[in-house]
N, C-alpha and C. Protein backbone atom coordinates (compact mmCIF):
# COMPACT_ATOMS: atom_id res chain seq x y z
N MET A 1 -0.22 22.70 -10.42
CA MET A 1 -0.57 21.61 -11.33
C MET A 1 -2.09 21.41 -11.27
N SER A 2 -2.69 21.32 -12.41
CA SER A 2 -4.14 21.13 -12.48
C SER A 2 -4.50 19.67 -12.19
N THR A 3 -5.76 19.46 -11.89
CA THR A 3 -6.24 18.10 -11.64
C THR A 3 -6.06 17.23 -12.88
N THR A 4 -6.32 17.80 -14.04
CA THR A 4 -6.16 17.05 -15.30
C THR A 4 -4.71 16.60 -15.48
N GLN A 5 -3.77 17.48 -15.13
CA GLN A 5 -2.36 17.12 -15.24
C GLN A 5 -1.99 16.02 -14.24
N LYS A 6 -2.54 16.14 -13.03
CA LYS A 6 -2.27 15.12 -12.01
C LYS A 6 -2.80 13.76 -12.44
N VAL A 7 -4.02 13.74 -12.97
CA VAL A 7 -4.61 12.48 -13.45
C VAL A 7 -3.76 11.93 -14.60
N GLY A 8 -3.31 12.79 -15.48
CA GLY A 8 -2.46 12.36 -16.59
C GLY A 8 -1.17 11.71 -16.11
N GLN A 9 -0.55 12.33 -15.10
CA GLN A 9 0.67 11.74 -14.52
C GLN A 9 0.39 10.37 -13.92
N GLU A 10 -0.74 10.26 -13.24
CA GLU A 10 -1.09 8.98 -12.62
C GLU A 10 -1.37 7.92 -13.67
N ILE A 11 -2.02 8.29 -14.76
CA ILE A 11 -2.28 7.33 -15.85
C ILE A 11 -0.94 6.85 -16.42
N ARG A 12 -0.02 7.77 -16.63
CA ARG A 12 1.30 7.39 -17.15
C ARG A 12 2.01 6.47 -16.16
N ARG A 13 1.94 6.78 -14.87
CA ARG A 13 2.59 5.96 -13.85
C ARG A 13 2.01 4.55 -13.85
N VAL A 14 0.68 4.45 -13.91
CA VAL A 14 0.00 3.16 -13.91
C VAL A 14 0.37 2.36 -15.16
N ARG A 15 0.34 3.03 -16.31
CA ARG A 15 0.67 2.35 -17.56
C ARG A 15 2.11 1.87 -17.55
N SER A 16 3.02 2.70 -17.05
CA SER A 16 4.43 2.31 -16.99
C SER A 16 4.64 1.15 -16.03
N ARG A 17 3.94 1.19 -14.90
CA ARG A 17 4.04 0.10 -13.92
C ARG A 17 3.58 -1.22 -14.54
N MET A 18 2.62 -1.14 -15.46
CA MET A 18 2.11 -2.34 -16.13
C MET A 18 2.99 -2.75 -17.32
N ASN A 19 4.03 -1.95 -17.59
CA ASN A 19 4.96 -2.20 -18.71
C ASN A 19 4.23 -2.27 -20.05
N LEU A 20 3.31 -1.33 -20.27
CA LEU A 20 2.55 -1.30 -21.51
C LEU A 20 2.85 -0.03 -22.29
N SER A 21 2.84 -0.15 -23.60
CA SER A 21 2.94 1.03 -24.45
C SER A 21 1.60 1.75 -24.45
N GLN A 22 1.58 2.98 -24.94
CA GLN A 22 0.31 3.70 -25.02
C GLN A 22 -0.66 2.96 -25.92
N LYS A 23 -0.14 2.35 -26.97
CA LYS A 23 -0.99 1.61 -27.91
C LYS A 23 -1.62 0.39 -27.22
N ASP A 24 -0.81 -0.38 -26.50
CA ASP A 24 -1.32 -1.58 -25.81
C ASP A 24 -2.29 -1.21 -24.70
N PHE A 25 -1.95 -0.15 -23.96
CA PHE A 25 -2.83 0.31 -22.89
C PHE A 25 -4.16 0.80 -23.46
N GLY A 26 -4.08 1.53 -24.56
CA GLY A 26 -5.29 2.01 -25.23
C GLY A 26 -6.19 0.87 -25.66
N ALA A 27 -5.60 -0.21 -26.14
CA ALA A 27 -6.39 -1.36 -26.56
C ALA A 27 -7.15 -1.95 -25.37
N LEU A 28 -6.54 -1.94 -24.21
CA LEU A 28 -7.19 -2.49 -23.01
C LEU A 28 -8.36 -1.64 -22.54
N ILE A 29 -8.25 -0.33 -22.73
CA ILE A 29 -9.31 0.56 -22.24
C ILE A 29 -10.24 1.03 -23.35
N GLY A 30 -10.01 0.56 -24.57
CA GLY A 30 -10.88 0.92 -25.68
C GLY A 30 -10.63 2.31 -26.24
N LYS A 31 -9.39 2.77 -26.17
CA LYS A 31 -9.03 4.10 -26.69
C LYS A 31 -7.81 3.97 -27.59
N SER A 32 -7.59 4.97 -28.43
CA SER A 32 -6.44 4.95 -29.34
C SER A 32 -5.17 5.35 -28.60
N GLU A 33 -4.04 5.06 -29.24
CA GLU A 33 -2.74 5.44 -28.70
C GLU A 33 -2.66 6.96 -28.51
N SER A 34 -3.15 7.71 -29.49
CA SER A 34 -3.09 9.16 -29.40
C SER A 34 -3.99 9.69 -28.28
N GLN A 35 -5.11 9.02 -28.04
CA GLN A 35 -6.00 9.45 -26.96
C GLN A 35 -5.35 9.21 -25.60
N VAL A 36 -4.68 8.08 -25.43
CA VAL A 36 -3.95 7.81 -24.18
C VAL A 36 -2.89 8.88 -23.97
N GLY A 37 -2.17 9.21 -25.03
CA GLY A 37 -1.16 10.27 -24.95
C GLY A 37 -1.77 11.61 -24.56
N ALA A 38 -2.95 11.91 -25.10
CA ALA A 38 -3.64 13.17 -24.76
C ALA A 38 -4.06 13.19 -23.30
N TYR A 39 -4.48 12.03 -22.76
CA TYR A 39 -4.82 11.96 -21.34
C TYR A 39 -3.57 12.20 -20.48
N GLU A 40 -2.48 11.55 -20.86
CA GLU A 40 -1.25 11.63 -20.07
C GLU A 40 -0.64 13.03 -20.08
N THR A 41 -0.77 13.74 -21.17
CA THR A 41 -0.21 15.09 -21.26
C THR A 41 -1.22 16.18 -20.89
N ALA A 42 -2.41 15.75 -20.48
CA ALA A 42 -3.48 16.66 -20.04
C ALA A 42 -3.95 17.58 -21.17
N LYS A 43 -3.85 17.11 -22.40
CA LYS A 43 -4.36 17.88 -23.53
C LYS A 43 -5.86 17.73 -23.67
N THR A 44 -6.38 16.70 -23.03
CA THR A 44 -7.83 16.48 -23.05
C THR A 44 -8.26 15.97 -21.68
N SER A 45 -9.44 16.33 -21.29
CA SER A 45 -9.99 15.85 -20.02
C SER A 45 -10.47 14.41 -20.19
N ILE A 46 -10.54 13.72 -19.09
CA ILE A 46 -10.95 12.33 -19.12
C ILE A 46 -12.36 12.21 -18.54
N THR A 47 -13.17 11.35 -19.13
CA THR A 47 -14.52 11.14 -18.61
C THR A 47 -14.46 10.14 -17.46
N LEU A 48 -15.49 10.14 -16.66
CA LEU A 48 -15.54 9.19 -15.54
C LEU A 48 -15.56 7.75 -16.01
N ASP A 49 -16.25 7.50 -17.11
CA ASP A 49 -16.30 6.13 -17.65
C ASP A 49 -14.90 5.62 -17.95
N VAL A 50 -14.10 6.45 -18.58
CA VAL A 50 -12.74 6.05 -18.94
C VAL A 50 -11.88 5.92 -17.68
N LEU A 51 -12.04 6.83 -16.75
CA LEU A 51 -11.30 6.78 -15.49
C LEU A 51 -11.58 5.46 -14.77
N PHE A 52 -12.84 5.06 -14.72
CA PHE A 52 -13.21 3.81 -14.06
C PHE A 52 -12.68 2.60 -14.84
N LYS A 53 -12.67 2.69 -16.15
CA LYS A 53 -12.14 1.59 -16.98
C LYS A 53 -10.64 1.42 -16.74
N ILE A 54 -9.92 2.55 -16.65
CA ILE A 54 -8.48 2.49 -16.39
C ILE A 54 -8.23 1.85 -15.03
N ALA A 55 -8.99 2.27 -14.03
CA ALA A 55 -8.84 1.70 -12.69
C ALA A 55 -9.11 0.20 -12.70
N GLU A 56 -10.13 -0.20 -13.44
CA GLU A 56 -10.46 -1.63 -13.52
C GLU A 56 -9.33 -2.42 -14.16
N VAL A 57 -8.80 -1.92 -15.27
CA VAL A 57 -7.72 -2.60 -15.98
C VAL A 57 -6.45 -2.65 -15.12
N ALA A 58 -6.18 -1.56 -14.39
CA ALA A 58 -4.98 -1.48 -13.56
C ALA A 58 -5.14 -2.14 -12.20
N LYS A 59 -6.38 -2.57 -11.88
CA LYS A 59 -6.68 -3.19 -10.59
C LYS A 59 -6.33 -2.27 -9.42
N ILE A 60 -6.79 -1.02 -9.55
CA ILE A 60 -6.64 -0.04 -8.48
C ILE A 60 -7.98 0.63 -8.23
N ARG A 61 -8.06 1.38 -7.15
CA ARG A 61 -9.28 2.14 -6.88
C ARG A 61 -9.28 3.39 -7.76
N PRO A 62 -10.43 3.78 -8.31
CA PRO A 62 -10.48 4.95 -9.20
C PRO A 62 -9.92 6.22 -8.58
N GLU A 63 -10.13 6.41 -7.29
CA GLU A 63 -9.65 7.64 -6.65
C GLU A 63 -8.13 7.75 -6.64
N GLU A 64 -7.43 6.61 -6.79
CA GLU A 64 -5.98 6.65 -6.86
C GLU A 64 -5.49 7.40 -8.10
N LEU A 65 -6.31 7.43 -9.15
CA LEU A 65 -5.93 8.17 -10.35
C LEU A 65 -6.05 9.68 -10.13
N ILE A 66 -6.76 10.07 -9.10
CA ILE A 66 -6.92 11.49 -8.80
C ILE A 66 -5.98 11.91 -7.67
N THR A 67 -5.90 11.09 -6.64
CA THR A 67 -5.11 11.45 -5.46
C THR A 67 -3.72 10.85 -5.44
N GLY A 68 -3.46 9.89 -6.30
CA GLY A 68 -2.18 9.20 -6.28
C GLY A 68 -2.25 7.97 -5.41
N THR A 69 -1.17 7.22 -5.40
CA THR A 69 -1.10 6.01 -4.61
C THR A 69 -1.06 6.37 -3.14
N PRO A 70 -1.92 5.75 -2.34
CA PRO A 70 -1.93 6.09 -0.92
C PRO A 70 -0.63 5.64 -0.25
N GLU A 71 -0.17 6.42 0.70
CA GLU A 71 1.00 6.05 1.48
C GLU A 71 0.63 4.89 2.37
N LYS A 72 1.49 3.90 2.40
CA LYS A 72 1.25 2.77 3.28
C LYS A 72 1.74 3.16 4.67
N THR A 73 0.86 3.05 5.61
CA THR A 73 1.23 3.37 6.98
C THR A 73 1.15 2.12 7.82
N GLU A 74 2.10 2.02 8.70
CA GLU A 74 2.11 0.88 9.61
C GLU A 74 1.02 1.09 10.65
N LYS A 75 0.37 0.02 11.03
CA LYS A 75 -0.62 0.10 12.09
C LYS A 75 0.12 0.34 13.40
N ALA A 76 -0.22 1.43 14.03
CA ALA A 76 0.46 1.78 15.27
C ALA A 76 -0.50 1.70 16.44
N GLY A 77 -1.49 0.82 16.36
CA GLY A 77 -2.49 0.72 17.39
C GLY A 77 -2.07 -0.16 18.55
N TRP A 78 -0.78 -0.46 18.66
CA TRP A 78 -0.34 -1.28 19.77
C TRP A 78 0.45 -0.43 20.75
N ASP A 79 0.60 -0.97 21.95
CA ASP A 79 1.28 -0.25 23.02
C ASP A 79 2.79 -0.46 23.02
N ALA A 80 3.24 -1.58 22.49
CA ALA A 80 4.66 -1.88 22.48
C ALA A 80 5.05 -2.56 21.18
N GLU A 81 6.27 -2.30 20.77
CA GLU A 81 6.82 -2.92 19.57
C GLU A 81 8.27 -3.28 19.87
N LEU A 82 8.61 -4.56 19.71
CA LEU A 82 9.95 -5.05 20.02
C LEU A 82 10.58 -5.67 18.79
N ARG A 83 11.77 -5.23 18.44
CA ARG A 83 12.47 -5.84 17.31
C ARG A 83 13.23 -7.05 17.84
N ILE A 84 12.84 -8.22 17.34
CA ILE A 84 13.44 -9.47 17.80
C ILE A 84 13.86 -10.27 16.57
N TYR A 85 15.13 -10.56 16.47
CA TYR A 85 15.68 -11.19 15.27
C TYR A 85 15.36 -12.67 15.14
N ASN A 86 15.47 -13.39 16.21
CA ASN A 86 15.36 -14.85 16.17
C ASN A 86 13.90 -15.29 16.29
N LEU A 87 13.48 -16.20 15.44
CA LEU A 87 12.11 -16.70 15.45
C LEU A 87 11.74 -17.34 16.79
N ASP A 88 12.62 -18.15 17.33
CA ASP A 88 12.32 -18.80 18.62
C ASP A 88 12.16 -17.77 19.72
N ASP A 89 12.98 -16.74 19.70
CA ASP A 89 12.85 -15.67 20.71
C ASP A 89 11.53 -14.93 20.54
N ARG A 90 11.13 -14.66 19.30
CA ARG A 90 9.84 -13.99 19.06
C ARG A 90 8.70 -14.83 19.61
N LYS A 91 8.74 -16.13 19.36
CA LYS A 91 7.69 -17.02 19.85
C LYS A 91 7.63 -17.03 21.37
N GLN A 92 8.80 -17.06 22.01
CA GLN A 92 8.85 -17.09 23.47
C GLN A 92 8.28 -15.79 24.06
N VAL A 93 8.67 -14.65 23.50
CA VAL A 93 8.17 -13.37 23.99
C VAL A 93 6.67 -13.26 23.77
N MET A 94 6.20 -13.69 22.61
CA MET A 94 4.76 -13.64 22.32
C MET A 94 3.98 -14.53 23.29
N THR A 95 4.53 -15.69 23.61
CA THR A 95 3.87 -16.60 24.57
C THR A 95 3.76 -15.95 25.94
N ILE A 96 4.85 -15.36 26.41
CA ILE A 96 4.84 -14.70 27.71
C ILE A 96 3.80 -13.58 27.74
N LEU A 97 3.76 -12.77 26.70
CA LEU A 97 2.80 -11.67 26.64
C LEU A 97 1.37 -12.19 26.58
N ALA A 98 1.13 -13.21 25.78
CA ALA A 98 -0.22 -13.75 25.64
C ALA A 98 -0.71 -14.35 26.95
N VAL A 99 0.16 -15.07 27.65
CA VAL A 99 -0.21 -15.68 28.93
C VAL A 99 -0.60 -14.60 29.93
N ASN A 100 0.01 -13.44 29.82
CA ASN A 100 -0.28 -12.34 30.73
C ASN A 100 -1.40 -11.44 30.23
N GLY A 101 -2.15 -11.90 29.23
CA GLY A 101 -3.36 -11.21 28.81
C GLY A 101 -3.18 -10.13 27.76
N TYR A 102 -2.04 -10.08 27.12
CA TYR A 102 -1.83 -9.08 26.07
C TYR A 102 -2.28 -9.64 24.72
N ASP A 103 -2.78 -8.75 23.89
CA ASP A 103 -3.08 -9.09 22.50
C ASP A 103 -1.77 -8.92 21.75
N VAL A 104 -1.24 -10.00 21.17
CA VAL A 104 0.08 -9.94 20.55
C VAL A 104 0.02 -10.33 19.08
N GLY A 105 1.03 -9.92 18.37
CA GLY A 105 1.17 -10.27 16.96
C GLY A 105 2.58 -9.97 16.53
N GLN A 106 2.85 -10.23 15.27
CA GLN A 106 4.16 -9.89 14.74
C GLN A 106 4.01 -9.29 13.36
N HIS A 107 4.98 -8.50 12.97
CA HIS A 107 4.97 -7.88 11.66
C HIS A 107 6.43 -7.68 11.23
N LYS A 108 6.60 -7.30 9.98
CA LYS A 108 7.96 -7.03 9.50
C LYS A 108 7.97 -5.68 8.79
N LYS A 109 9.14 -5.08 8.78
CA LYS A 109 9.33 -3.79 8.11
C LYS A 109 10.55 -3.90 7.21
N LYS A 110 10.49 -3.20 6.09
CA LYS A 110 11.64 -3.16 5.19
C LYS A 110 12.77 -2.39 5.84
N VAL A 111 13.98 -2.93 5.75
CA VAL A 111 15.15 -2.26 6.28
C VAL A 111 15.84 -1.48 5.16
N THR A 112 15.76 -2.03 3.96
CA THR A 112 16.36 -1.38 2.79
C THR A 112 15.25 -0.95 1.83
N PRO A 113 15.51 0.04 1.01
CA PRO A 113 14.48 0.49 0.06
C PRO A 113 14.01 -0.59 -0.90
N THR A 114 14.87 -1.55 -1.21
CA THR A 114 14.47 -2.62 -2.13
C THR A 114 13.58 -3.65 -1.46
N GLY A 115 13.60 -3.67 -0.13
CA GLY A 115 12.78 -4.63 0.60
C GLY A 115 13.39 -6.01 0.69
N LYS A 116 14.64 -6.16 0.23
CA LYS A 116 15.28 -7.47 0.29
C LYS A 116 15.69 -7.82 1.71
N SER A 117 15.87 -6.80 2.53
CA SER A 117 16.23 -7.02 3.92
C SER A 117 15.09 -6.50 4.80
N VAL A 118 14.62 -7.35 5.71
CA VAL A 118 13.51 -6.97 6.58
C VAL A 118 13.88 -7.24 8.03
N ALA A 119 13.20 -6.53 8.91
CA ALA A 119 13.35 -6.75 10.35
C ALA A 119 12.00 -7.22 10.89
N TYR A 120 12.05 -8.12 11.84
CA TYR A 120 10.83 -8.69 12.40
C TYR A 120 10.56 -8.09 13.79
N TYR A 121 9.28 -7.84 14.04
CA TYR A 121 8.87 -7.20 15.28
C TYR A 121 7.72 -7.99 15.93
N VAL A 122 7.68 -7.93 17.24
CA VAL A 122 6.55 -8.42 18.03
C VAL A 122 5.85 -7.17 18.53
N HIS A 123 4.52 -7.13 18.41
CA HIS A 123 3.79 -5.99 18.97
C HIS A 123 2.74 -6.50 19.94
N ALA A 124 2.45 -5.67 20.93
CA ALA A 124 1.51 -6.06 21.98
C ALA A 124 0.61 -4.90 22.32
N THR A 125 -0.64 -5.22 22.63
CA THR A 125 -1.62 -4.23 23.06
C THR A 125 -2.09 -4.61 24.45
N ASP A 126 -2.04 -3.64 25.34
CA ASP A 126 -2.48 -3.85 26.71
C ASP A 126 -4.00 -3.94 26.72
N MET A 127 -4.51 -5.11 27.04
CA MET A 127 -5.96 -5.31 27.08
C MET A 127 -6.45 -5.14 28.51
N GLU A 128 -7.65 -4.60 28.65
CA GLU A 128 -8.22 -4.44 29.99
C GLU A 128 -8.37 -5.81 30.63
N GLY A 129 -8.04 -5.88 31.89
CA GLY A 129 -8.17 -7.16 32.59
C GLY A 129 -6.93 -8.02 32.49
N ASN A 130 -5.80 -7.43 32.00
CA ASN A 130 -4.55 -8.20 31.95
C ASN A 130 -4.18 -8.67 33.33
N ALA A 131 -3.46 -9.75 33.39
CA ALA A 131 -2.97 -10.24 34.67
C ALA A 131 -2.00 -9.21 35.23
N ASP A 132 -2.16 -8.84 36.48
CA ASP A 132 -1.28 -7.87 37.11
C ASP A 132 -0.10 -8.62 37.70
N THR A 133 1.03 -8.62 37.00
CA THR A 133 2.20 -9.37 37.45
C THR A 133 3.13 -8.51 38.29
N SER A 134 2.74 -7.27 38.58
CA SER A 134 3.61 -6.39 39.36
C SER A 134 3.53 -6.66 40.84
N LYS A 135 2.58 -7.46 41.29
CA LYS A 135 2.42 -7.72 42.73
C LYS A 135 3.12 -9.00 43.14
């Protein structure tokens, strides 16, 4: 697949995500419906000015039209991650860790693809100078 084709696919994806027709999308970026179609089907190359205008209208970074939507990665910079269901239990565990000198926080992850169900986690990072509770 050529770069022009990839950009065209991304333009179509962005336009569809915005629920706009080619005509409506063209009006937003100052191009005709047929020109938007030509970009999407890679029948014509796109100029940087237009690429930046599309990114502005879609509220994305311009490079996303070339590379695609970046994969969201969870921050894994912590030493431990505990799945704890109950809010009170999460607070208690976080308090214990914080008192012992750990940098703590919480986050959630989608359990289902729709994101309607989530799981809650406590994460901790071992900081230098933590209280040594092993003695």
